[in-house]
Amino acid sequence: MEIICLDTNVLIAHKRAKKPDKDKTYLYQLTLKPYQFSVSSITRYF
């Protein structure tokens, strides 16, 4: 299984999307595949 390191722009775009548009975000599309996710320590800090 691959590990994907998520950058802040992917997380922010998903957070800002309106409810009907959440399924169009890149983060949502990634969740449809068998990936594991991680974030960097600096991203987690913010």
Protein backbone atom coordinates (compact mmCIF):
# COMPACT_ATOMS: atom_id res chain seq x y z
CA MET A 1 0.00 0.00 0.00
CA GLU A 2 1.32 3.43 -0.94
CA ILE A 3 1.60 6.28 1.52
CA ILE A 4 0.59 9.72 0.30
CA CYS A 5 1.93 12.81 2.09
CA LEU A 6 -0.81 15.43 1.95
CA ASP A 7 0.16 19.05 1.51
CA THR A 8 -1.73 21.94 3.05
CA ASN A 9 -3.26 23.06 -0.25
CA VAL A 10 -5.04 19.69 -0.64
CA LEU A 11 -6.40 19.83 2.90
CA ILE A 12 -7.45 23.49 2.67
CA ALA A 13 -9.21 22.97 -0.67
CA HIS A 14 -11.25 20.14 0.84
CA LYS A 15 -12.04 22.15 3.97
CA ARG A 16 -13.18 25.19 1.95
CA ALA A 17 -15.36 23.22 -0.47
CA LYS A 18 -19.09 23.48 0.05
CA LYS A 19 -20.84 20.26 1.05
CA PRO A 20 -22.18 19.40 -2.43
CA ASP A 21 -18.69 19.90 -3.91
CA LYS A 22 -16.70 17.85 -1.37
CA ASP A 23 -16.76 14.82 -3.66
CA LYS A 24 -15.01 16.84 -6.38
CA THR A 25 -11.94 17.62 -4.30
CA TYR A 26 -8.62 15.91 -4.85
CA LEU A 27 -8.59 14.62 -1.28
CA TYR A 28 -11.94 12.90 -1.75
CA GLN A 29 -10.77 11.34 -5.01
CA LEU A 30 -7.68 9.98 -3.25
CA THR A 31 -9.82 8.36 -0.55
CA LEU A 32 -11.47 6.19 -3.19
CA LYS A 33 -8.16 4.39 -3.73
CA PRO A 34 -6.28 2.15 -1.27
CA TYR A 35 -3.77 4.73 0.00
CA GLN A 36 -2.55 5.53 3.46
CA PHE A 37 -2.20 9.22 4.25
CA SER A 38 0.30 11.22 6.22
CA VAL A 39 1.07 14.89 6.79
CA SER A 40 4.36 16.54 7.54
CA SER A 41 5.09 17.72 11.06
CA ILE A 42 4.98 21.38 9.98
CA THR A 43 1.54 20.87 8.41
CA ARG A 44 0.32 19.16 11.54
CA TYR A 45 1.64 22.03 13.67
CA PHE A 46 -0.58 24.54 11.85
